[in-house]
């Protein structure tokens, strides 16, 4: 299977971001990719203020919904879609792009106002949701980011408080893509090795990591963490990142890449818009796991 990590430099314009995403998806499809991964917040990087109070967050959420109603493309809805947000243009965009190019799309993350059970989040926050659409345009998986980026970073923005704008998810997700089991994760999850061990226990042979690592944390830790997760779990990792300067205070690291189960980087994009693409081989996963059966040799949980 040929897979692609799409790197973007998203702006505050949903329309511009969707146009860039469509261009990259088309290029990846033309290059033979059958699975593409978009970066975290690919359409809405500056959509919600990370330090707003509850009232302000609710106003921003309302404004975002109005922006959704006037932006994006229409597309077919999948059989697994079951909440009102399935009518949103962002999901229509992902669905129509998957169907148009006959490929599977991991839709980075988009903000959803309800939980997987359909209940509304009533405090003004949203879920950072990674949605998977199959080549028929059907939504086949949803993962809500579990670990939220509440940290202080030595950069122009200084402090990141995702939990003010986002409600954490609680459920893991692994989905069948052809012969592969694809595990889902997002950005800050990468620092929590136990999440990936649980995905491996669920059968994951390939893991997607949509991300928007800061330039500071990315320079220090991005590639080592990706390679470690691949090596520890003897799986492929496809990591799609934001990569550039988005505003006066926001700069992301980039270096989208595909890593094999031995920790080898198969392809990488430096900064700016681009595509990391590689062929992956299920036999390699099986061979490495059989020769070094670390899943069966663990002594600590």
Foldseek 3Di string as FASTA:
>chain_A
DKEKFWAAQEAQALQVLLVLVLVFLVVCLVVPHQEYEAAACSRHPPQADQDDALVVLQVSVVVVQVSQVVHADAADEAPPDDEPCCRTRLLRSQLHSLQVSQHKYFHHWDWAQADPVHHGDPRSATFGKTWIAGSNSYTDDIDTAADAQADADPFLVGTGHNVNRHDHDDDWDWDDDPPFIETEHEAVCLVPLVNLLVSVVVPHQEYEYRYFAAQRCCVVPVLVSQLVSLQVSLHKYFYHYHFADHDPGGGGFAFGFIAGSNSRTPFTDGGHTDMYMDDDDPVSSVVVCVVPVVNVVDDDD
